[in-house]
Amino acid sequence: MNDVERKRRFDALARQYADDLFRFGVWLCGDHTLANDLVQETFLRAWKALDSLKDAKAAKSWLITILRREYARTFERKVPPITDIDNVVVAEELELTPDDRTERDLLRKAMLELDEKYREPLILQTVMGLSIAEIATQLELTESAVMTRAFRAREKLKDRLQPAAREGNIHELT
């Protein structure tokens, strides 16, 4: 593959999957800045290893694997963040009503409180849109184990959110 084809292939991957990778990064670490860094590192490693990607259909899973490994590496080189309070810009969420933000925040909090073995398959399926087979490959599990964990994750979420639904704070999950 020549340099022009390589750049074109990489640009297409970056355009197609950047938003999905960022969304998964935020769910994984809970921090927008770190998620941005993870996506950048993911693309840097992907660029270096682009020739190893033989099947374009596996690109999303390949990139998610790189991002998951990058996230794991952050714990190896973790440095406490220092933030200059004068430079902090608080983003406004004008597109969501207060009820929508509350519902979203309750659901996100409940998902993040799940054990990792349940949380990760659920997020990969609902947020990233991966199939059961892709999740099984990602997590090195059988497809039936992924289906079981995703089902149990939903059941645990329903149990946690039912009291909130009865109090009128969140719509019931269907």
N, C-alpha and C. Protein backbone atom coordinates (compact mmCIF):
# COMPACT_ATOMS: atom_id res chain seq x y z
N MET A 1 0.85 -1.17 0.00
CA MET A 1 0.00 0.00 0.00
C MET A 1 0.90 1.23 0.00
N ASN A 2 0.65 2.15 -0.94
CA ASN A 2 1.48 3.36 -0.99
C ASN A 2 0.98 4.39 0.03
N ASP A 3 1.74 5.46 0.19
CA ASP A 3 1.43 6.45 1.23
C ASP A 3 0.07 7.12 1.03
N VAL A 4 -0.30 7.38 -0.20
CA VAL A 4 -1.59 8.03 -0.47
C VAL A 4 -2.74 7.10 -0.09
N GLU A 5 -2.65 5.83 -0.48
CA GLU A 5 -3.70 4.87 -0.12
C GLU A 5 -3.77 4.67 1.39
N ARG A 6 -2.62 4.62 2.03
CA ARG A 6 -2.55 4.44 3.48
C ARG A 6 -3.23 5.61 4.19
N LYS A 7 -2.90 6.82 3.75
CA LYS A 7 -3.50 8.02 4.36
C LYS A 7 -5.01 8.05 4.12
N ARG A 8 -5.43 7.71 2.92
CA ARG A 8 -6.86 7.70 2.60
C ARG A 8 -7.60 6.66 3.46
N ARG A 9 -7.00 5.49 3.60
CA ARG A 9 -7.62 4.43 4.42
C ARG A 9 -7.73 4.86 5.88
N PHE A 10 -6.66 5.45 6.40
CA PHE A 10 -6.66 5.90 7.79
C PHE A 10 -7.67 7.02 8.01
N ASP A 11 -7.70 8.00 7.09
CA ASP A 11 -8.65 9.10 7.22
C ASP A 11 -10.09 8.59 7.24
N ALA A 12 -10.37 7.60 6.41
CA ALA A 12 -11.73 7.03 6.38
C ALA A 12 -12.06 6.37 7.72
N LEU A 13 -11.09 5.64 8.29
CA LEU A 13 -11.31 5.01 9.60
C LEU A 13 -11.54 6.07 10.68
N ALA A 14 -10.71 7.09 10.67
CA ALA A 14 -10.81 8.13 11.69
C ALA A 14 -12.16 8.85 11.60
N ARG A 15 -12.58 9.20 10.40
CA ARG A 15 -13.87 9.87 10.24
C ARG A 15 -15.03 8.97 10.67
N GLN A 16 -14.94 7.70 10.32
CA GLN A 16 -16.06 6.79 10.59
C GLN A 16 -16.20 6.44 12.07
N TYR A 17 -15.07 6.31 12.78
CA TYR A 17 -15.13 5.76 14.14
C TYR A 17 -14.74 6.71 15.27
N ALA A 18 -14.34 7.92 14.97
CA ALA A 18 -13.89 8.83 16.02
C ALA A 18 -14.97 9.08 17.07
N ASP A 19 -16.18 9.36 16.64
CA ASP A 19 -17.25 9.64 17.60
C ASP A 19 -17.57 8.43 18.46
N ASP A 20 -17.62 7.25 17.84
CA ASP A 20 -17.89 6.02 18.60
C ASP A 20 -16.79 5.76 19.62
N LEU A 21 -15.55 5.95 19.21
CA LEU A 21 -14.43 5.72 20.13
C LEU A 21 -14.48 6.71 21.29
N PHE A 22 -14.78 7.96 20.99
CA PHE A 22 -14.87 8.97 22.05
C PHE A 22 -15.98 8.61 23.03
N ARG A 23 -17.14 8.25 22.50
CA ARG A 23 -18.27 7.89 23.36
C ARG A 23 -17.90 6.69 24.25
N PHE A 24 -17.27 5.68 23.67
CA PHE A 24 -16.86 4.53 24.46
C PHE A 24 -15.80 4.93 25.49
N GLY A 25 -14.88 5.81 25.10
CA GLY A 25 -13.86 6.28 26.03
C GLY A 25 -14.46 7.00 27.23
N VAL A 26 -15.47 7.82 26.98
CA VAL A 26 -16.14 8.53 28.08
C VAL A 26 -16.83 7.53 29.00
N TRP A 27 -17.50 6.54 28.43
CA TRP A 27 -18.15 5.53 29.26
C TRP A 27 -17.13 4.72 30.05
N LEU A 28 -15.99 4.50 29.44
CA LEU A 28 -14.97 3.68 30.08
C LEU A 28 -14.33 4.41 31.26
N CYS A 29 -13.96 5.68 31.05
CA CYS A 29 -13.20 6.39 32.08
C CYS A 29 -14.00 7.48 32.79
N GLY A 30 -15.12 7.92 32.20
CA GLY A 30 -15.94 8.94 32.84
C GLY A 30 -15.38 10.35 32.76
N ASP A 31 -14.40 10.58 31.88
CA ASP A 31 -13.75 11.88 31.79
C ASP A 31 -13.56 12.25 30.32
N HIS A 32 -14.12 13.38 29.91
CA HIS A 32 -14.06 13.79 28.51
C HIS A 32 -12.62 14.06 28.05
N THR A 33 -11.83 14.69 28.89
CA THR A 33 -10.45 15.00 28.51
C THR A 33 -9.64 13.73 28.33
N LEU A 34 -9.75 12.82 29.28
CA LEU A 34 -9.03 11.56 29.17
C LEU A 34 -9.53 10.76 27.97
N ALA A 35 -10.83 10.80 27.71
CA ALA A 35 -11.39 10.10 26.55
C ALA A 35 -10.79 10.65 25.25
N ASN A 36 -10.66 11.98 25.16
CA ASN A 36 -10.01 12.58 23.99
C ASN A 36 -8.59 12.08 23.84
N ASP A 37 -7.86 12.05 24.94
CA ASP A 37 -6.48 11.56 24.91
C ASP A 37 -6.43 10.09 24.47
N LEU A 38 -7.35 9.30 24.99
CA LEU A 38 -7.39 7.88 24.62
C LEU A 38 -7.65 7.71 23.12
N VAL A 39 -8.55 8.50 22.59
CA VAL A 39 -8.85 8.41 21.15
C VAL A 39 -7.63 8.81 20.34
N GLN A 40 -6.95 9.87 20.76
CA GLN A 40 -5.75 10.30 20.04
C GLN A 40 -4.67 9.22 20.07
N GLU A 41 -4.45 8.63 21.23
CA GLU A 41 -3.47 7.55 21.35
C GLU A 41 -3.89 6.34 20.53
N THR A 42 -5.18 6.08 20.53
CA THR A 42 -5.70 4.96 19.73
C THR A 42 -5.39 5.17 18.26
N PHE A 43 -5.66 6.37 17.76
CA PHE A 43 -5.40 6.64 16.35
C PHE A 43 -3.90 6.65 16.04
N LEU A 44 -3.10 7.10 16.97
CA LEU A 44 -1.64 7.06 16.77
C LEU A 44 -1.17 5.62 16.62
N ARG A 45 -1.61 4.76 17.51
CA ARG A 45 -1.23 3.34 17.43
C ARG A 45 -1.84 2.68 16.20
N ALA A 46 -3.06 3.07 15.85
CA ALA A 46 -3.70 2.51 14.67
C ALA A 46 -2.93 2.90 13.41
N TRP A 47 -2.47 4.12 13.34
CA TRP A 47 -1.69 4.58 12.19
C TRP A 47 -0.42 3.74 12.04
N LYS A 48 0.24 3.51 13.16
CA LYS A 48 1.49 2.74 13.13
C LYS A 48 1.24 1.29 12.72
N ALA A 49 0.08 0.75 13.09
CA ALA A 49 -0.20 -0.67 12.83
C ALA A 49 -1.23 -0.87 11.72
N LEU A 50 -1.48 0.15 10.93
CA LEU A 50 -2.54 0.08 9.93
C LEU A 50 -2.37 -1.09 8.96
N ASP A 51 -1.15 -1.44 8.64
CA ASP A 51 -0.91 -2.55 7.71
C ASP A 51 -1.35 -3.89 8.30
N SER A 52 -1.45 -3.98 9.63
CA SER A 52 -1.87 -5.24 10.24
C SER A 52 -3.39 -5.44 10.17
N LEU A 53 -4.15 -4.41 9.82
CA LEU A 53 -5.60 -4.52 9.68
C LEU A 53 -5.91 -5.06 8.29
N LYS A 54 -6.22 -6.32 8.22
CA LYS A 54 -6.46 -6.96 6.92
C LYS A 54 -7.93 -6.89 6.51
N ASP A 55 -8.84 -6.99 7.47
CA ASP A 55 -10.27 -7.01 7.19
C ASP A 55 -10.91 -5.70 7.63
N ALA A 56 -11.39 -4.93 6.69
CA ALA A 56 -12.00 -3.63 7.01
C ALA A 56 -13.23 -3.78 7.90
N LYS A 57 -13.91 -4.95 7.83
CA LYS A 57 -15.09 -5.19 8.67
C LYS A 57 -14.73 -5.30 10.15
N ALA A 58 -13.47 -5.59 10.43
CA ALA A 58 -13.02 -5.74 11.81
C ALA A 58 -12.43 -4.45 12.38
N ALA A 59 -12.49 -3.37 11.62
CA ALA A 59 -11.84 -2.12 12.02
C ALA A 59 -12.38 -1.58 13.35
N LYS A 60 -13.68 -1.59 13.53
CA LYS A 60 -14.26 -1.03 14.76
C LYS A 60 -13.79 -1.82 15.98
N SER A 61 -13.85 -3.13 15.89
CA SER A 61 -13.40 -3.97 17.00
C SER A 61 -11.91 -3.79 17.25
N TRP A 62 -11.15 -3.68 16.18
CA TRP A 62 -9.70 -3.48 16.27
C TRP A 62 -9.40 -2.16 17.00
N LEU A 63 -10.10 -1.10 16.63
CA LEU A 63 -9.89 0.21 17.27
C LEU A 63 -10.34 0.19 18.73
N ILE A 64 -11.44 -0.47 19.02
CA ILE A 64 -11.91 -0.56 20.41
C ILE A 64 -10.91 -1.32 21.27
N THR A 65 -10.33 -2.37 20.71
CA THR A 65 -9.31 -3.12 21.45
C THR A 65 -8.11 -2.22 21.76
N ILE A 66 -7.70 -1.45 20.78
CA ILE A 66 -6.58 -0.52 21.00
C ILE A 66 -6.94 0.47 22.10
N LEU A 67 -8.16 1.03 22.05
CA LEU A 67 -8.59 2.00 23.05
C LEU A 67 -8.64 1.38 24.44
N ARG A 68 -9.16 0.17 24.55
CA ARG A 68 -9.22 -0.51 25.86
C ARG A 68 -7.82 -0.71 26.42
N ARG A 69 -6.88 -1.08 25.56
CA ARG A 69 -5.50 -1.28 26.02
C ARG A 69 -4.85 0.05 26.41
N GLU A 70 -5.17 1.10 25.68
CA GLU A 70 -4.65 2.42 26.03
C GLU A 70 -5.18 2.85 27.39
N TYR A 71 -6.45 2.58 27.62
CA TYR A 71 -7.04 2.92 28.92
C TYR A 71 -6.33 2.15 30.03
N ALA A 72 -6.06 0.88 29.82
CA ALA A 72 -5.34 0.08 30.82
C ALA A 72 -3.94 0.66 31.06
N ARG A 73 -3.32 1.16 30.00
CA ARG A 73 -1.98 1.74 30.15
C ARG A 73 -1.99 3.02 30.99
N THR A 74 -3.12 3.71 31.03
CA THR A 74 -3.17 4.95 31.81
C THR A 74 -2.91 4.69 33.28
N PHE A 75 -3.26 3.49 33.74
CA PHE A 75 -3.03 3.16 35.14
C PHE A 75 -1.56 2.85 35.41
N GLU A 76 -0.84 2.48 34.35
CA GLU A 76 0.58 2.21 34.51
C GLU A 76 1.37 3.51 34.67
N ARG A 77 0.91 4.56 34.03
CA ARG A 77 1.63 5.83 34.04
C ARG A 77 0.79 6.97 34.64
N LYS A 78 -0.09 6.62 35.55
CA LYS A 78 -1.03 7.57 36.13
C LYS A 78 -0.31 8.68 36.89
N VAL A 79 -0.62 9.92 36.50
CA VAL A 79 -0.12 11.10 37.19
C VAL A 79 -1.35 11.88 37.63
N PRO A 80 -1.41 12.26 38.90
CA PRO A 80 -2.59 13.00 39.35
C PRO A 80 -2.79 14.28 38.53
N PRO A 81 -4.00 14.51 38.08
CA PRO A 81 -4.25 15.70 37.26
C PRO A 81 -4.20 16.98 38.08
N ILE A 82 -3.61 18.00 37.49
CA ILE A 82 -3.55 19.31 38.11
C ILE A 82 -4.30 20.25 37.19
N THR A 83 -5.31 20.90 37.72
CA THR A 83 -6.14 21.78 36.93
C THR A 83 -6.06 23.19 37.47
N ASP A 84 -5.76 24.13 36.58
CA ASP A 84 -5.78 25.53 36.95
C ASP A 84 -7.23 25.98 36.94
N ILE A 85 -7.77 26.29 38.08
CA ILE A 85 -9.19 26.59 38.22
C ILE A 85 -9.60 27.80 37.37
N ASP A 86 -8.67 28.70 37.08
CA ASP A 86 -8.99 29.86 36.26
C ASP A 86 -9.26 29.49 34.81
N ASN A 87 -8.76 28.34 34.37
CA ASN A 87 -8.92 27.94 32.98
C ASN A 87 -10.07 26.97 32.75
N VAL A 88 -10.82 26.67 33.78
CA VAL A 88 -11.92 25.71 33.65
C VAL A 88 -13.11 26.39 32.99
N VAL A 89 -13.61 25.76 31.93
CA VAL A 89 -14.80 26.25 31.24
C VAL A 89 -15.89 25.21 31.45
N VAL A 90 -17.00 25.66 31.99
CA VAL A 90 -18.11 24.75 32.25
C VAL A 90 -19.04 24.77 31.04
N ALA A 91 -19.19 23.61 30.43
CA ALA A 91 -20.07 23.50 29.27
C ALA A 91 -21.52 23.45 29.73
N GLU A 92 -22.37 24.13 28.98
CA GLU A 92 -23.80 24.12 29.30
C GLU A 92 -24.49 23.06 28.46
N GLU A 93 -25.44 22.40 29.05
CA GLU A 93 -26.20 21.37 28.34
C GLU A 93 -27.57 21.92 28.00
N LEU A 94 -27.60 22.85 27.06
CA LEU A 94 -28.86 23.51 26.72
C LEU A 94 -29.81 22.60 25.95
N GLU A 95 -29.27 21.57 25.28
CA GLU A 95 -30.13 20.74 24.46
C GLU A 95 -31.01 19.80 25.28
N LEU A 96 -30.68 19.56 26.53
CA LEU A 96 -31.46 18.65 27.36
C LEU A 96 -32.25 19.43 28.41
N THR A 97 -33.47 18.99 28.63
CA THR A 97 -34.27 19.59 29.69
C THR A 97 -33.75 19.07 31.03
N PRO A 98 -34.07 19.72 32.12
CA PRO A 98 -33.63 19.21 33.43
C PRO A 98 -34.09 17.78 33.69
N ASP A 99 -35.32 17.44 33.28
CA ASP A 99 -35.80 16.07 33.46
C ASP A 99 -34.97 15.07 32.65
N ASP A 100 -34.64 15.47 31.41
CA ASP A 100 -33.82 14.59 30.57
C ASP A 100 -32.44 14.38 31.18
N ARG A 101 -31.85 15.45 31.70
CA ARG A 101 -30.51 15.33 32.31
C ARG A 101 -30.57 14.44 33.54
N THR A 102 -31.62 14.59 34.34
CA THR A 102 -31.76 13.77 35.54
C THR A 102 -31.91 12.30 35.16
N GLU A 103 -32.77 12.04 34.19
CA GLU A 103 -32.98 10.65 33.75
C GLU A 103 -31.68 10.06 33.20
N ARG A 104 -31.00 10.81 32.35
CA ARG A 104 -29.74 10.34 31.78
C ARG A 104 -28.70 10.10 32.86
N ASP A 105 -28.62 11.02 33.80
CA ASP A 105 -27.62 10.90 34.87
C ASP A 105 -27.92 9.70 35.77
N LEU A 106 -29.21 9.46 36.07
CA LEU A 106 -29.58 8.29 36.88
C LEU A 106 -29.21 6.99 36.17
N LEU A 107 -29.50 6.94 34.87
CA LEU A 107 -29.19 5.74 34.10
C LEU A 107 -27.67 5.54 34.01
N ARG A 108 -26.94 6.60 33.71
CA ARG A 108 -25.48 6.51 33.61
C ARG A 108 -24.88 6.07 34.95
N LYS A 109 -25.37 6.67 36.04
CA LYS A 109 -24.86 6.32 37.37
C LYS A 109 -25.13 4.85 37.68
N ALA A 110 -26.33 4.40 37.37
CA ALA A 110 -26.68 3.00 37.63
C ALA A 110 -25.82 2.06 36.78
N MET A 111 -25.56 2.44 35.54
CA MET A 111 -24.72 1.60 34.68
C MET A 111 -23.29 1.55 35.20
N LEU A 112 -22.78 2.68 35.65
CA LEU A 112 -21.40 2.71 36.14
C LEU A 112 -21.23 1.98 37.47
N GLU A 113 -22.34 1.79 38.20
CA GLU A 113 -22.28 1.06 39.47
C GLU A 113 -22.33 -0.46 39.28
N LEU A 114 -22.64 -0.91 38.06
CA LEU A 114 -22.66 -2.34 37.80
C LEU A 114 -21.24 -2.90 37.89
N ASP A 115 -21.12 -4.17 38.26
CA ASP A 115 -19.82 -4.83 38.23
C ASP A 115 -19.29 -4.75 36.80
N GLU A 116 -17.98 -4.65 36.67
CA GLU A 116 -17.38 -4.50 35.35
C GLU A 116 -17.76 -5.62 34.40
N LYS A 117 -17.89 -6.84 34.93
CA LYS A 117 -18.22 -7.97 34.05
C LYS A 117 -19.61 -7.82 33.43
N TYR A 118 -20.49 -7.05 34.04
CA TYR A 118 -21.80 -6.78 33.47
C TYR A 118 -21.81 -5.45 32.70
N ARG A 119 -21.12 -4.47 33.24
CA ARG A 119 -21.12 -3.12 32.66
C ARG A 119 -20.50 -3.10 31.26
N GLU A 120 -19.35 -3.73 31.11
CA GLU A 120 -18.63 -3.62 29.84
C GLU A 120 -19.40 -4.23 28.66
N PRO A 121 -19.96 -5.43 28.78
CA PRO A 121 -20.74 -5.94 27.63
C PRO A 121 -21.95 -5.07 27.33
N LEU A 122 -22.61 -4.56 28.36
CA LEU A 122 -23.78 -3.71 28.15
C LEU A 122 -23.40 -2.42 27.42
N ILE A 123 -22.32 -1.79 27.83
CA ILE A 123 -21.89 -0.55 27.19
C ILE A 123 -21.44 -0.81 25.76
N LEU A 124 -20.70 -1.89 25.55
CA LEU A 124 -20.26 -2.22 24.19
C LEU A 124 -21.46 -2.46 23.28
N GLN A 125 -22.52 -3.03 23.82
CA GLN A 125 -23.70 -3.29 23.00
C GLN A 125 -24.56 -2.04 22.82
N THR A 126 -24.87 -1.35 23.90
CA THR A 126 -25.83 -0.24 23.81
C THR A 126 -25.20 1.06 23.34
N VAL A 127 -24.00 1.34 23.79
CA VAL A 127 -23.35 2.61 23.42
C VAL A 127 -22.58 2.47 22.12
N MET A 128 -21.83 1.38 21.99
CA MET A 128 -20.98 1.21 20.83
C MET A 128 -21.67 0.50 19.68
N GLY A 129 -22.78 -0.18 19.95
CA GLY A 129 -23.51 -0.85 18.89
C GLY A 129 -22.85 -2.11 18.37
N LEU A 130 -22.00 -2.73 19.18
CA LEU A 130 -21.35 -3.96 18.73
C LEU A 130 -22.30 -5.14 18.83
N SER A 131 -22.09 -6.10 17.97
CA SER A 131 -22.89 -7.32 18.00
C SER A 131 -22.38 -8.22 19.13
N ILE A 132 -23.15 -9.22 19.47
CA ILE A 132 -22.75 -10.17 20.51
C ILE A 132 -21.44 -10.85 20.10
N ALA A 133 -21.31 -11.22 18.84
CA ALA A 133 -20.09 -11.87 18.36
C ALA A 133 -18.88 -10.94 18.51
N GLU A 134 -19.05 -9.66 18.18
CA GLU A 134 -17.95 -8.70 18.30
C GLU A 134 -17.56 -8.50 19.77
N ILE A 135 -18.56 -8.43 20.62
CA ILE A 135 -18.28 -8.27 22.06
C ILE A 135 -17.56 -9.50 22.59
N ALA A 136 -18.00 -10.67 22.17
CA ALA A 136 -17.35 -11.91 22.61
C ALA A 136 -15.88 -11.90 22.21
N THR A 137 -15.60 -11.45 21.01
CA THR A 137 -14.20 -11.36 20.56
C THR A 137 -13.44 -10.36 21.39
N GLN A 138 -14.04 -9.19 21.61
CA GLN A 138 -13.39 -8.13 22.38
C GLN A 138 -13.02 -8.58 23.79
N LEU A 139 -13.96 -9.23 24.43
CA LEU A 139 -13.79 -9.58 25.84
C LEU A 139 -13.25 -11.00 26.05
N GLU A 140 -13.01 -11.67 24.91
CA GLU A 140 -12.49 -13.04 24.96
C GLU A 140 -13.41 -13.95 25.78
N LEU A 141 -14.70 -13.88 25.44
CA LEU A 141 -15.73 -14.70 26.07
C LEU A 141 -16.50 -15.44 24.99
N THR A 142 -17.30 -16.40 25.41
CA THR A 142 -18.20 -17.05 24.46
C THR A 142 -19.39 -16.13 24.21
N GLU A 143 -20.06 -16.36 23.09
CA GLU A 143 -21.23 -15.54 22.79
C GLU A 143 -22.32 -15.74 23.84
N SER A 144 -22.49 -16.95 24.31
CA SER A 144 -23.52 -17.19 25.33
C SER A 144 -23.19 -16.48 26.63
N ALA A 145 -21.90 -16.39 26.97
CA ALA A 145 -21.50 -15.66 28.18
C ALA A 145 -21.81 -14.18 28.03
N VAL A 146 -21.57 -13.64 26.85
CA VAL A 146 -21.88 -12.22 26.60
C VAL A 146 -23.38 -11.98 26.70
N MET A 147 -24.18 -12.85 26.08
CA MET A 147 -25.63 -12.69 26.15
C MET A 147 -26.13 -12.77 27.59
N THR A 148 -25.58 -13.69 28.35
CA THR A 148 -25.97 -13.84 29.75
C THR A 148 -25.61 -12.58 30.54
N ARG A 149 -24.40 -12.09 30.35
CA ARG A 149 -23.98 -10.90 31.09
C ARG A 149 -24.78 -9.67 30.70
N ALA A 150 -25.07 -9.51 29.43
CA ALA A 150 -25.86 -8.36 28.98
C ALA A 150 -27.28 -8.45 29.55
N PHE A 151 -27.87 -9.65 29.54
CA PHE A 151 -29.20 -9.84 30.12
C PHE A 151 -29.19 -9.51 31.60
N ARG A 152 -28.20 -10.05 32.32
CA ARG A 152 -28.12 -9.80 33.77
C ARG A 152 -27.88 -8.32 34.06
N ALA A 153 -27.10 -7.67 33.22
CA ALA A 153 -26.85 -6.23 33.41
C ALA A 153 -28.16 -5.46 33.30
N ARG A 154 -28.97 -5.80 32.30
CA ARG A 154 -30.26 -5.13 32.14
C ARG A 154 -31.18 -5.39 33.33
N GLU A 155 -31.18 -6.64 33.80
CA GLU A 155 -32.01 -6.98 34.95
C GLU A 155 -31.56 -6.20 36.19
N LYS A 156 -30.26 -6.10 36.39
CA LYS A 156 -29.73 -5.34 37.53
C LYS A 156 -30.09 -3.87 37.41
N LEU A 157 -30.01 -3.33 36.19
CA LEU A 157 -30.41 -1.94 35.98
C LEU A 157 -31.89 -1.74 36.29
N LYS A 158 -32.72 -2.67 35.83
CA LYS A 158 -34.16 -2.56 36.12
C LYS A 158 -34.41 -2.56 37.62
N ASP A 159 -33.73 -3.46 38.33
CA ASP A 159 -33.90 -3.53 39.78
C ASP A 159 -33.48 -2.23 40.45
N ARG A 160 -32.39 -1.65 39.97
CA ARG A 160 -31.90 -0.40 40.58
C ARG A 160 -32.78 0.78 40.24
N LEU A 161 -33.34 0.78 39.04
CA LEU A 161 -34.09 1.94 38.58
C LEU A 161 -35.59 1.84 38.86
N GLN A 162 -36.10 0.68 39.23
CA GLN A 162 -37.52 0.55 39.52
C GLN A 162 -37.98 1.49 40.62
N PRO A 163 -37.27 1.60 41.75
CA PRO A 163 -37.72 2.56 42.77
C PRO A 163 -37.75 3.99 42.23
N ALA A 164 -36.76 4.34 41.42
CA ALA A 164 -36.74 5.69 40.84
C ALA A 164 -37.91 5.88 39.89
N ALA A 165 -38.28 4.86 39.15
CA ALA A 165 -39.41 4.94 38.22
C ALA A 165 -40.71 5.12 38.99
N ARG A 166 -40.85 4.40 40.09
CA ARG A 166 -42.07 4.52 40.89
C ARG A 166 -42.19 5.91 41.51
N GLU A 167 -41.06 6.54 41.80
CA GLU A 167 -41.09 7.88 42.38
C GLU A 167 -41.25 8.95 41.30
N GLY A 168 -41.27 8.53 40.03
CA GLY A 168 -41.46 9.50 38.94
C GLY A 168 -40.17 10.12 38.46
N ASN A 169 -39.02 9.60 38.87
CA ASN A 169 -37.75 10.19 38.46
C ASN A 169 -37.21 9.66 37.15
N ILE A 170 -37.70 8.53 36.69
CA ILE A 170 -37.18 7.95 35.46
C ILE A 170 -38.24 7.05 34.84
N HIS A 171 -38.29 7.00 33.53
CA HIS A 171 -39.22 6.11 32.84
C HIS A 171 -38.73 4.69 32.99
N GLU A 172 -39.66 3.76 33.04
CA GLU A 172 -39.28 2.35 33.15
C GLU A 172 -38.55 1.91 31.90
N LEU A 173 -37.56 1.04 32.09
CA LEU A 173 -36.83 0.49 30.96
C LEU A 173 -37.69 -0.55 30.28
N THR A 174 -37.64 -0.59 28.96
CA THR A 174 -38.40 -1.61 28.23
C THR A 174 -37.46 -2.55 27.56
